[in-house]
Amino acid sequence: MITVTALRKTYDTRTAVDDLTFDVAAGRVTGFVGPNGAGKSTTMRMMVGLTRPDRGSVRYDGVPYAALRHPAGVVGSVLDARCMHPGRTARNHLRAMAALSRIPAARVDTVLAEVGLETAADQRAGGFSLGMRQRLALAGALLGDPRVLLLDEPSNGLDPDGIRWLRAYLSDFARRGGSVFVSSHLIGELAMFADDLVVVGAGKLLAAEPVAAITARSAVTVVVQTAVPSQQTELAGHLAGAGLDVEARGSQLLVRHSSREAVSQVAFAQHIAVLELSVTSRSLEDSLLDLTAGSAEFASA
């Protein structure tokens, strides 16, 4: 649905986005991740025409954003949840948005209900919490009944129930054939519902692939403990002889880059009973931190 090709943006001597190329598929949730200063917000602004790229293009089914006949019916975006007049009620804010995009006013109450703000429709946005502003901003993105959602940190300010609701909503939007492109610093949250990830660092593309492919590359460690402590050294020797990377740590053996099945077969063949046989793997967050470690603009000591 979305094709980003060789996108580049430079400010003075600083390159914010450097030759980014990736696709966002229909029917899937694509997470957009990277450290602060990686170029995520600049990229998303270029995707909806708010920032002009130095070169490169963004196309929606082959059509540039500026050439879309009815942009609100194709792309709904939330790049700043604070972009609303504090003196307007939620309903009037959406009515103004609808009028600007030539969207029937009847859509206003529909999207207010869709994001759970129907009871707050006549309250002024200036009194909203950040979580309520996020919901109102999403309602604005949904006014045109778009096929694409571009959301920059949409879970900021949401309580746990709101985050769960957002996760379910975006997953359902994708299941209905829509494209969701969402940036977030909550990697653990993204891992629960994103299908694909686009990872950037220092403006450059570091990875663009399914979440499963990134997690599959994470180091897996099999933890094994023999039922008879004196057999630990014997088992370690057999595992090493089978070409496995094994390390003794206390009463346990750590076997890296292997599987529980492979370790158990060695132990069974040598008639060694095991007390523990478990698998640990690094989280998606750890994998992404490794990918972006060399490109973080700010790093703690």
C-alpha atoms as a PDB file:
ATOM      1  CA  MET A   1       0.000   0.000   0.000  1.00  0.00           C
ATOM      2  CA  ILE A   2       2.773   2.465   0.917  1.00  0.00           C
ATOM      3  CA  THR A   3       6.077   2.594  -0.926  1.00  0.00           C
ATOM      4  CA  VAL A   4       8.865   4.786   0.464  1.00  0.00           C
ATOM      5  CA  THR A   5      11.782   5.128  -1.951  1.00  0.00           C
ATOM      6  CA  ALA A   6      15.211   6.732  -1.387  1.00  0.00           C
ATOM      7  CA  LEU A   7      13.814   9.340   0.991  1.00  0.00           C
ATOM      8  CA  ARG A   8      16.327  11.969   2.122  1.00  0.00           C
ATOM      9  CA  LYS A   9      16.122  15.160   4.198  1.00  0.00           C
ATOM     10  CA  THR A  10      18.986  17.372   5.366  1.00  0.00           C
ATOM     11  CA  TYR A  11      18.849  20.375   7.697  1.00  0.00           C
ATOM     12  CA  ASP A  12      21.956  22.566   7.311  1.00  0.00           C
ATOM     13  CA  THR A  13      24.798  20.090   7.883  1.00  0.00           C
ATOM     14  CA  ARG A  14      22.689  17.429   9.621  1.00  0.00           C
ATOM     15  CA  THR A  15      21.113  14.601   7.643  1.00  0.00           C
ATOM     16  CA  ALA A  16      17.854  13.676   9.378  1.00  0.00           C
ATOM     17  CA  VAL A  17      16.760  11.003   6.885  1.00  0.00           C
ATOM     18  CA  ASP A  18      19.308   9.265   4.706  1.00  0.00           C
ATOM     19  CA  ASP A  19      18.119   7.286   1.663  1.00  0.00           C
ATOM     20  CA  LEU A  20      15.254   5.446   3.368  1.00  0.00           C
ATOM     21  CA  THR A  21      13.500   2.764   1.337  1.00  0.00           C
ATOM     22  CA  PHE A  22      10.804   0.443   2.701  1.00  0.00           C
ATOM     23  CA  ASP A  23       7.245  -0.765   2.093  1.00  0.00           C
ATOM     24  CA  VAL A  24       4.210  -0.813   4.372  1.00  0.00           C
ATOM     25  CA  ALA A  25       1.870  -3.659   3.425  1.00  0.00           C
ATOM     26  CA  ALA A  26      -1.904  -3.608   3.477  1.00  0.00           C
ATOM     27  CA  GLY A  27      -3.544  -5.802   6.077  1.00  0.00           C
ATOM     28  CA  ARG A  28      -0.619  -5.549   8.486  1.00  0.00           C
ATOM     29  CA  VAL A  29       0.554  -3.441  11.419  1.00  0.00           C
ATOM     30  CA  THR A  30       4.041  -2.069  10.791  1.00  0.00           C
ATOM     31  CA  GLY A  31       5.986  -0.671  13.744  1.00  0.00           C
ATOM     32  CA  PHE A  32       8.436   2.189  13.171  1.00  0.00           C
ATOM     33  CA  VAL A  33      11.206   2.190  15.751  1.00  0.00           C
ATOM     34  CA  GLY A  34      14.571   3.771  16.450  1.00  0.00           C
ATOM     35  CA  PRO A  35      16.298   5.902  19.096  1.00  0.00           C
ATOM     36  CA  ASN A  36      15.621   9.602  19.623  1.00  0.00           C
ATOM     37  CA  GLY A  37      16.944  11.595  16.688  1.00  0.00           C
ATOM     38  CA  ALA A  38      16.730   8.607  14.322  1.00  0.00           C
ATOM     39  CA  GLY A  39      14.525  10.494  11.843  1.00  0.00           C
ATOM     40  CA  LYS A  40      11.160   8.863  12.598  1.00  0.00           C
ATOM     41  CA  SER A  41       9.102  12.043  12.975  1.00  0.00           C
ATOM     42  CA  THR A  42      10.744  13.682   9.960  1.00  0.00           C
ATOM     43  CA  THR A  43       9.985  10.603   7.864  1.00  0.00           C
ATOM     44  CA  MET A  44       6.348  10.545   8.920  1.00  0.00           C
ATOM     45  CA  ARG A  45       5.972  14.263   8.177  1.00  0.00           C
ATOM     46  CA  MET A  46       7.355  13.683   4.685  1.00  0.00           C
ATOM     47  CA  MET A  47       4.894  10.832   4.211  1.00  0.00           C
ATOM     48  CA  VAL A  48       1.950  13.247   4.513  1.00  0.00           C
ATOM     49  CA  GLY A  49       3.437  16.292   2.795  1.00  0.00           C
ATOM     50  CA  LEU A  50       4.195  18.368   5.897  1.00  0.00           C
ATOM     51  CA  THR A  51       7.923  18.327   5.155  1.00  0.00           C
ATOM     52  CA  ARG A  52       9.355  18.402   1.660  1.00  0.00           C
ATOM     53  CA  PRO A  53      12.058  15.765   1.037  1.00  0.00           C
ATOM     54  CA  ASP A  54      15.324  16.739  -0.637  1.00  0.00           C
ATOM     55  CA  ARG A  55      14.827  13.684  -2.810  1.00  0.00           C
ATOM     56  CA  GLY A  56      12.925  10.428  -2.896  1.00  0.00           C
ATOM     57  CA  SER A  57       9.224   9.701  -2.906  1.00  0.00           C
ATOM     58  CA  VAL A  58       6.306   8.301  -0.923  1.00  0.00           C
ATOM     59  CA  ARG A  59       3.451   6.701  -2.847  1.00  0.00           C
ATOM     60  CA  TYR A  60       0.113   5.250  -1.837  1.00  0.00           C
ATOM     61  CA  ASP A  61      -0.805   2.543  -4.337  1.00  0.00           C
ATOM     62  CA  GLY A  62       1.511   4.321  -6.756  1.00  0.00           C
ATOM     63  CA  VAL A  63       0.103   7.825  -6.135  1.00  0.00           C
ATOM     64  CA  PRO A  64       2.046  10.614  -4.337  1.00  0.00           C
ATOM     65  CA  TYR A  65       0.273  12.093  -1.325  1.00  0.00           C
ATOM     66  CA  ALA A  66      -0.032  15.515  -3.005  1.00  0.00           C
ATOM     67  CA  ALA A  67      -1.811  13.915  -5.973  1.00  0.00           C
ATOM     68  CA  LEU A  68      -4.451  12.059  -3.948  1.00  0.00           C
ATOM     69  CA  ARG A  69      -7.894  13.305  -4.946  1.00  0.00           C
ATOM     70  CA  HIS A  70      -9.317  12.778  -1.454  1.00  0.00           C
ATOM     71  CA  PRO A  71      -6.369  12.461   0.968  1.00  0.00           C
ATOM     72  CA  ALA A  72      -8.501  12.034   4.103  1.00  0.00           C
ATOM     73  CA  GLY A  73     -10.148   9.008   2.522  1.00  0.00           C
ATOM     74  CA  VAL A  74      -6.774   7.359   1.953  1.00  0.00           C
ATOM     75  CA  VAL A  75      -4.551   8.428   4.851  1.00  0.00           C
ATOM     76  CA  GLY A  76      -5.468   9.307   8.427  1.00  0.00           C
ATOM     77  CA  SER A  77      -2.556  10.604  10.462  1.00  0.00           C
ATOM     78  CA  VAL A  78      -1.786  11.619  14.040  1.00  0.00           C
ATOM     79  CA  LEU A  79       1.637  13.251  14.311  1.00  0.00           C
ATOM     80  CA  ASP A  80       0.899  15.487  17.323  1.00  0.00           C
ATOM     81  CA  ALA A  81      -1.991  14.763  19.669  1.00  0.00           C
ATOM     82  CA  ARG A  82      -1.855  18.354  20.978  1.00  0.00           C
ATOM     83  CA  CYS A  83      -2.909  19.943  17.659  1.00  0.00           C
ATOM     84  CA  MET A  84      -6.386  21.050  18.656  1.00  0.00           C
ATOM     85  CA  HIS A  85      -7.896  24.326  19.868  1.00  0.00           C
ATOM     86  CA  PRO A  86      -8.283  24.093  23.654  1.00  0.00           C
ATOM     87  CA  GLY A  87     -11.459  26.178  23.593  1.00  0.00           C
ATOM     88  CA  ARG A  88     -13.334  23.898  21.212  1.00  0.00           C
ATOM     89  CA  THR A  89     -15.360  20.934  22.307  1.00  0.00           C
ATOM     90  CA  ALA A  90     -14.396  17.540  20.955  1.00  0.00           C
ATOM     91  CA  ARG A  91     -17.444  17.550  18.684  1.00  0.00           C
ATOM     92  CA  ASN A  92     -16.752  21.025  17.300  1.00  0.00           C
ATOM     93  CA  HIS A  93     -13.092  20.217  16.748  1.00  0.00           C
ATOM     94  CA  LEU A  94     -14.083  17.260  14.594  1.00  0.00           C
ATOM     95  CA  ARG A  95     -16.796  19.225  12.829  1.00  0.00           C
ATOM     96  CA  ALA A  96     -14.192  21.802  11.773  1.00  0.00           C
ATOM     97  CA  MET A  97     -11.886  19.032  10.526  1.00  0.00           C
ATOM     98  CA  ALA A  98     -14.749  17.422   8.633  1.00  0.00           C
ATOM     99  CA  ALA A  99     -15.693  20.693   6.957  1.00  0.00           C
ATOM    100  CA  LEU A 100     -12.095  21.312   5.827  1.00  0.00           C
ATOM    101  CA  SER A 101     -11.929  17.872   4.210  1.00  0.00           C
ATOM    102  CA  ARG A 102     -15.499  17.925   2.829  1.00  0.00           C
ATOM    103  CA  ILE A 103     -16.498  14.999   5.004  1.00  0.00           C
ATOM    104  CA  PRO A 104     -20.182  14.625   6.014  1.00  0.00           C
ATOM    105  CA  ALA A 105     -20.792  15.953   9.535  1.00  0.00           C
ATOM    106  CA  ALA A 106     -22.548  12.681  10.398  1.00  0.00           C
ATOM    107  CA  ARG A 107     -19.119  11.030  10.610  1.00  0.00           C
ATOM    108  CA  VAL A 108     -18.303  13.101  13.709  1.00  0.00           C
ATOM    109  CA  ASP A 109     -20.542  11.225  16.135  1.00  0.00           C
ATOM    110  CA  THR A 110     -19.560   7.930  14.506  1.00  0.00           C
ATOM    111  CA  VAL A 111     -15.835   8.373  15.155  1.00  0.00           C
ATOM    112  CA  LEU A 112     -16.419   9.817  18.648  1.00  0.00           C
ATOM    113  CA  ALA A 113     -18.188   6.583  19.541  1.00  0.00           C
ATOM    114  CA  GLU A 114     -15.505   4.530  17.804  1.00  0.00           C
ATOM    115  CA  VAL A 115     -12.767   5.947  20.053  1.00  0.00           C
ATOM    116  CA  GLY A 116     -14.885   5.949  23.210  1.00  0.00           C
ATOM    117  CA  LEU A 117     -15.378   9.710  23.572  1.00  0.00           C
ATOM    118  CA  GLU A 118     -19.134   9.978  23.022  1.00  0.00           C
ATOM    119  CA  THR A 119     -19.725  10.978  26.659  1.00  0.00           C
ATOM    120  CA  ALA A 120     -17.063  13.702  26.419  1.00  0.00           C
ATOM    121  CA  ALA A 121     -18.197  15.068  23.046  1.00  0.00           C
ATOM    122  CA  ASP A 122     -19.284  18.429  24.454  1.00  0.00           C
ATOM    123  CA  GLN A 123     -16.310  18.957  26.756  1.00  0.00           C
ATOM    124  CA  ARG A 124     -13.592  21.417  25.777  1.00  0.00           C
ATOM    125  CA  ALA A 125     -10.388  19.826  24.539  1.00  0.00           C
ATOM    126  CA  GLY A 126      -8.352  22.109  26.826  1.00  0.00           C
ATOM    127  CA  GLY A 127      -9.576  20.102  29.801  1.00  0.00           C
ATOM    128  CA  PHE A 128      -8.707  16.740  28.306  1.00  0.00           C
ATOM    129  CA  SER A 129      -5.982  14.517  29.665  1.00  0.00           C
ATOM    130  CA  LEU A 130      -3.225  13.470  27.262  1.00  0.00           C
ATOM    131  CA  GLY A 131      -4.905  10.098  26.869  1.00  0.00           C
ATOM    132  CA  MET A 132      -8.215  11.727  25.909  1.00  0.00           C
ATOM    133  CA  ARG A 133      -6.381  13.981  23.454  1.00  0.00           C
ATOM    134  CA  GLN A 134      -4.842  10.893  21.884  1.00  0.00           C
ATOM    135  CA  ARG A 135      -8.313   9.419  21.408  1.00  0.00           C
ATOM    136  CA  LEU A 136      -9.626  12.676  19.948  1.00  0.00           C
ATOM    137  CA  ALA A 137      -6.656  12.913  17.564  1.00  0.00           C
ATOM    138  CA  LEU A 138      -7.317   9.349  16.418  1.00  0.00           C
ATOM    139  CA  ALA A 139     -10.974  10.220  15.875  1.00  0.00           C
ATOM    140  CA  GLY A 140      -9.819  13.037  13.597  1.00  0.00           C
ATOM    141  CA  ALA A 141      -7.635  10.613  11.635  1.00  0.00           C
ATOM    142  CA  LEU A 142     -10.635   8.295  11.186  1.00  0.00           C
ATOM    143  CA  LEU A 143     -13.039  10.952   9.900  1.00  0.00           C
ATOM    144  CA  GLY A 144     -12.430  10.178   6.223  1.00  0.00           C
ATOM    145  CA  ASP A 145     -12.722   6.403   6.764  1.00  0.00           C
ATOM    146  CA  PRO A 146      -9.120   5.990   5.516  1.00  0.00           C
ATOM    147  CA  ARG A 147      -7.348   2.867   4.308  1.00  0.00           C
ATOM    148  CA  VAL A 148      -4.079   3.894   6.007  1.00  0.00           C
ATOM    149  CA  LEU A 149      -3.298   5.064   9.540  1.00  0.00           C
ATOM    150  CA  LEU A 150      -0.006   6.859  10.271  1.00  0.00           C
ATOM    151  CA  LEU A 151       0.396   7.296  14.030  1.00  0.00           C
ATOM    152  CA  ASP A 152       3.333   8.835  15.884  1.00  0.00           C
ATOM    153  CA  GLU A 153       3.524   7.554  19.481  1.00  0.00           C
ATOM    154  CA  PRO A 154      -0.264   7.050  19.795  1.00  0.00           C
ATOM    155  CA  SER A 155      -0.069   5.300  23.185  1.00  0.00           C
ATOM    156  CA  ASN A 156       1.517   8.274  24.991  1.00  0.00           C
ATOM    157  CA  GLY A 157      -0.682   9.185  27.949  1.00  0.00           C
ATOM    158  CA  LEU A 158      -2.985   6.187  27.654  1.00  0.00           C
ATOM    159  CA  ASP A 159      -3.655   4.115  30.765  1.00  0.00           C
ATOM    160  CA  PRO A 160      -3.238   0.316  30.589  1.00  0.00           C
ATOM    161  CA  ASP A 161      -6.868  -0.166  29.565  1.00  0.00           C
ATOM    162  CA  GLY A 162      -6.460   2.488  26.858  1.00  0.00           C
ATOM    163  CA  ILE A 163      -3.293   0.847  25.552  1.00  0.00           C
ATOM    164  CA  ARG A 164      -5.056  -2.496  25.352  1.00  0.00           C
ATOM    165  CA  TRP A 165      -7.976  -0.875  23.532  1.00  0.00           C
ATOM    166  CA  LEU A 166      -5.621   0.836  21.056  1.00  0.00           C
ATOM    167  CA  ARG A 167      -3.764  -2.406  20.398  1.00  0.00           C
ATOM    168  CA  ALA A 168      -7.004  -4.250  19.673  1.00  0.00           C
ATOM    169  CA  TYR A 169      -8.341  -1.422  17.516  1.00  0.00           C
ATOM    170  CA  LEU A 170      -5.240  -1.170  15.328  1.00  0.00           C
ATOM    171  CA  SER A 171      -5.036  -4.945  14.932  1.00  0.00           C
ATOM    172  CA  ASP A 172      -8.682  -5.045  13.857  1.00  0.00           C
ATOM    173  CA  PHE A 173      -8.129  -2.137  11.442  1.00  0.00           C
ATOM    174  CA  ALA A 174      -5.345  -4.138   9.787  1.00  0.00           C
ATOM    175  CA  ARG A 175      -7.396  -7.343   9.726  1.00  0.00           C
ATOM    176  CA  ARG A 176     -10.042  -5.445   7.755  1.00  0.00           C
ATOM    177  CA  GLY A 177      -7.432  -4.736   5.091  1.00  0.00           C
ATOM    178  CA  GLY A 178      -6.061  -1.413   6.299  1.00  0.00           C
ATOM    179  CA  SER A 179      -2.399  -0.437   6.609  1.00  0.00           C
ATOM    180  CA  VAL A 180      -1.141   0.712  10.020  1.00  0.00           C
ATOM    181  CA  PHE A 181       2.208   2.468  10.353  1.00  0.00           C
ATOM    182  CA  VAL A 182       2.880   3.284  13.993  1.00  0.00           C
ATOM    183  CA  SER A 183       5.952   4.633  15.770  1.00  0.00           C
ATOM    184  CA  SER A 184       6.529   3.816  19.413  1.00  0.00           C
ATOM    185  CA  HIS A 185       9.219   3.677  22.084  1.00  0.00           C
ATOM    186  CA  LEU A 186       7.258   0.921  23.873  1.00  0.00           C
ATOM    187  CA  ILE A 187       8.966  -2.015  22.179  1.00  0.00           C
ATOM    188  CA  GLY A 188       7.339  -4.591  24.419  1.00  0.00           C
ATOM    189  CA  GLU A 189       3.930  -3.184  23.524  1.00  0.00           C
ATOM    190  CA  LEU A 190       4.707  -3.181  19.795  1.00  0.00           C
ATOM    191  CA  ALA A 191       5.853  -6.785  20.020  1.00  0.00           C
ATOM    192  CA  MET A 192       2.344  -7.768  21.117  1.00  0.00           C
ATOM    193  CA  PHE A 193       0.563  -6.654  17.951  1.00  0.00           C
ATOM    194  CA  ALA A 194       2.946  -5.494  15.193  1.00  0.00           C
ATOM    195  CA  ASP A 195       3.438  -7.800  12.209  1.00  0.00           C
ATOM    196  CA  ASP A 196       6.429  -6.002  10.667  1.00  0.00           C
ATOM    197  CA  LEU A 197       9.094  -3.580  11.846  1.00  0.00           C
ATOM    198  CA  VAL A 198      10.966  -0.776  10.148  1.00  0.00           C
ATOM    199  CA  VAL A 199      14.052   0.040  12.244  1.00  0.00           C
ATOM    200  CA  VAL A 200      16.022   3.240  11.687  1.00  0.00           C
ATOM    201  CA  GLY A 201      19.085   4.786  13.278  1.00  0.00           C
ATOM    202  CA  ALA A 202      20.805   8.088  12.479  1.00  0.00           C
ATOM    203  CA  GLY A 203      18.412   8.492   9.565  1.00  0.00           C
ATOM    204  CA  LYS A 204      19.402   5.195   7.931  1.00  0.00           C
ATOM    205  CA  LEU A 205      17.412   2.022   7.472  1.00  0.00           C
ATOM    206  CA  LEU A 206      18.698  -0.753   9.748  1.00  0.00           C
ATOM    207  CA  ALA A 207      16.016  -3.380   9.145  1.00  0.00           C
ATOM    208  CA  ALA A 208      12.636  -3.780   7.455  1.00  0.00           C
ATOM    209  CA  GLU A 209      11.222  -7.234   8.023  1.00  0.00           C
ATOM    210  CA  PRO A 210       8.601  -9.227   9.948  1.00  0.00           C
ATOM    211  CA  VAL A 211       8.826  -9.160  13.734  1.00  0.00           C
ATOM    212  CA  ALA A 212       9.243 -12.940  13.698  1.00  0.00           C
ATOM    213  CA  ALA A 213      12.364 -12.662  11.534  1.00  0.00           C
ATOM    214  CA  ILE A 214      14.006 -10.218  13.940  1.00  0.00           C
ATOM    215  CA  THR A 215      13.184 -12.233  17.038  1.00  0.00           C
ATOM    216  CA  ALA A 216      14.354 -15.441  15.346  1.00  0.00           C
ATOM    217  CA  ARG A 217      17.858 -13.988  15.175  1.00  0.00           C
ATOM    218  CA  SER A 218      17.948 -13.422  18.915  1.00  0.00           C
ATOM    219  CA  ALA A 219      20.319 -15.621  20.861  1.00  0.00           C
ATOM    220  CA  VAL A 220      18.583 -18.669  22.331  1.00  0.00           C
ATOM    221  CA  THR A 221      20.094 -20.391  25.354  1.00  0.00           C
ATOM    222  CA  VAL A 222      19.162 -23.828  26.676  1.00  0.00           C
ATOM    223  CA  VAL A 223      19.563 -24.158  30.437  1.00  0.00           C
ATOM    224  CA  VAL A 224      20.202 -27.715  31.644  1.00  0.00           C
ATOM    225  CA  GLN A 225      20.882 -29.148  35.087  1.00  0.00           C
ATOM    226  CA  THR A 226      21.710 -32.792  35.681  1.00  0.00           C
ATOM    227  CA  ALA A 227      19.789 -34.797  38.263  1.00  0.00           C
ATOM    228  CA  VAL A 228      23.133 -36.063  39.613  1.00  0.00           C
ATOM    229  CA  PRO A 229      25.477 -33.081  40.158  1.00  0.00           C
ATOM    230  CA  SER A 230      28.579 -35.182  39.500  1.00  0.00           C
ATOM    231  CA  GLN A 231      27.385 -35.819  35.923  1.00  0.00           C
ATOM    232  CA  GLN A 232      27.427 -32.120  34.969  1.00  0.00           C
ATOM    233  CA  THR A 233      31.026 -32.225  33.721  1.00  0.00           C
ATOM    234  CA  GLU A 234      30.375 -35.462  31.843  1.00  0.00           C
ATOM    235  CA  LEU A 235      27.338 -33.981  30.064  1.00  0.00           C
ATOM    236  CA  ALA A 236      29.252 -30.788  29.249  1.00  0.00           C
ATOM    237  CA  GLY A 237      31.914 -32.903  27.531  1.00  0.00           C
ATOM    238  CA  HIS A 238      29.358 -34.797  25.460  1.00  0.00           C
ATOM    239  CA  LEU A 239      27.594 -31.569  24.455  1.00  0.00           C
ATOM    240  CA  ALA A 240      30.883 -29.984  23.405  1.00  0.00           C
ATOM    241  CA  GLY A 241      31.740 -33.161  21.500  1.00  0.00           C
ATOM    242  CA  ALA A 242      28.484 -32.780  19.591  1.00  0.00           C
ATOM    243  CA  GLY A 243      29.638 -29.343  18.446  1.00  0.00           C
ATOM    244  CA  LEU A 244      27.469 -27.349  20.837  1.00  0.00           C
ATOM    245  CA  ASP A 245      28.539 -24.127  22.584  1.00  0.00           C
ATOM    246  CA  VAL A 246      28.333 -25.039  26.274  1.00  0.00           C
ATOM    247  CA  GLU A 247      29.368 -23.170  29.417  1.00  0.00           C
ATOM    248  CA  ALA A 248      29.172 -24.278  33.042  1.00  0.00           C
ATOM    249  CA  ARG A 249      27.656 -21.725  35.375  1.00  0.00           C
ATOM    250  CA  GLY A 250      27.142 -22.875  38.945  1.00  0.00           C
ATOM    251  CA  SER A 251      24.962 -25.977  38.982  1.00  0.00           C
ATOM    252  CA  GLN A 252      23.737 -25.330  35.440  1.00  0.00           C
ATOM    253  CA  LEU A 253      25.014 -25.704  31.902  1.00  0.00           C
ATOM    254  CA  LEU A 254      24.220 -22.966  29.395  1.00  0.00           C
ATOM    255  CA  VAL A 255      24.035 -24.189  25.798  1.00  0.00           C
ATOM    256  CA  ARG A 256      23.879 -21.312  23.305  1.00  0.00           C
ATOM    257  CA  HIS A 257      22.463 -21.266  19.775  1.00  0.00           C
ATOM    258  CA  SER A 258      20.895 -24.698  20.182  1.00  0.00           C
ATOM    259  CA  SER A 259      17.522 -26.193  21.017  1.00  0.00           C
ATOM    260  CA  ARG A 260      16.000 -28.125  23.874  1.00  0.00           C
ATOM    261  CA  GLU A 261      15.531 -31.114  21.549  1.00  0.00           C
ATOM    262  CA  ALA A 262      19.229 -31.219  20.578  1.00  0.00           C
ATOM    263  CA  VAL A 263      20.407 -31.032  24.193  1.00  0.00           C
ATOM    264  CA  SER A 264      17.929 -33.640  25.420  1.00  0.00           C
ATOM    265  CA  GLN A 265      18.990 -36.064  22.675  1.00  0.00           C
ATOM    266  CA  VAL A 266      22.623 -35.850  23.792  1.00  0.00           C
ATOM    267  CA  ALA A 267      21.666 -36.394  27.445  1.00  0.00           C
ATOM    268  CA  PHE A 268      19.355 -39.299  26.558  1.00  0.00           C
ATOM    269  CA  ALA A 269      21.995 -40.984  24.385  1.00  0.00           C
ATOM    270  CA  GLN A 270      24.435 -40.873  27.311  1.00  0.00           C
ATOM    271  CA  HIS A 271      21.833 -42.068  29.861  1.00  0.00           C
ATOM    272  CA  ILE A 272      22.168 -38.846  31.866  1.00  0.00           C
ATOM    273  CA  ALA A 273      19.023 -37.771  33.704  1.00  0.00           C
ATOM    274  CA  VAL A 274      18.314 -34.054  33.761  1.00  0.00           C
ATOM    275  CA  LEU A 275      16.548 -32.080  36.474  1.00  0.00           C
ATOM    276  CA  GLU A 276      16.031 -28.909  34.435  1.00  0.00           C
ATOM    277  CA  LEU A 277      15.800 -28.310  30.690  1.00  0.00           C
ATOM    278  CA  SER A 278      14.501 -24.873  29.742  1.00  0.00           C
ATOM    279  CA  VAL A 279      14.939 -22.301  26.997  1.00  0.00           C
ATOM    280  CA  THR A 280      15.578 -18.587  27.382  1.00  0.00           C
ATOM    281  CA  SER A 281      15.713 -16.062  24.600  1.00  0.00           C
ATOM    282  CA  ARG A 282      16.387 -12.364  24.362  1.00  0.00           C
ATOM    283  CA  SER A 283      13.440 -10.020  24.027  1.00  0.00           C
ATOM    284  CA  LEU A 284      12.563  -8.024  20.928  1.00  0.00           C
ATOM    285  CA  GLU A 285      13.636  -4.948  22.862  1.00  0.00           C
ATOM    286  CA  ASP A 286      17.124  -6.422  23.375  1.00  0.00           C
ATOM    287  CA  SER A 287      17.376  -7.275  19.677  1.00  0.00           C
ATOM    288  CA  LEU A 288      16.391  -3.755  18.624  1.00  0.00           C
ATOM    289  CA  LEU A 289      18.795  -2.182  21.099  1.00  0.00           C
ATOM    290  CA  ASP A 290      21.569  -4.225  19.514  1.00  0.00           C
ATOM    291  CA  LEU A 291      20.514  -3.064  16.041  1.00  0.00           C
ATOM    292  CA  THR A 292      20.462   0.605  17.014  1.00  0.00           C
ATOM    293  CA  ALA A 293      23.344   0.655  19.511  1.00  0.00           C
ATOM    294  CA  GLY A 294      25.744   2.358  17.124  1.00  0.00           C
ATOM    295  CA  SER A 295      23.303   5.029  16.021  1.00  0.00           C
ATOM    296  CA  ALA A 296      21.824   6.337  19.291  1.00  0.00           C
ATOM    297  CA  GLU A 297      22.181  10.108  19.538  1.00  0.00           C
ATOM    298  CA  PHE A 298      22.015  10.054  23.326  1.00  0.00           C
ATOM    299  CA  ALA A 299      23.281   7.153  25.423  1.00  0.00           C
ATOM    300  CA  SER A 300      23.553   6.676  29.173  1.00  0.00           C
ATOM    301  CA  ALA A 301      26.904   5.905  30.740  1.00  0.00           C
END
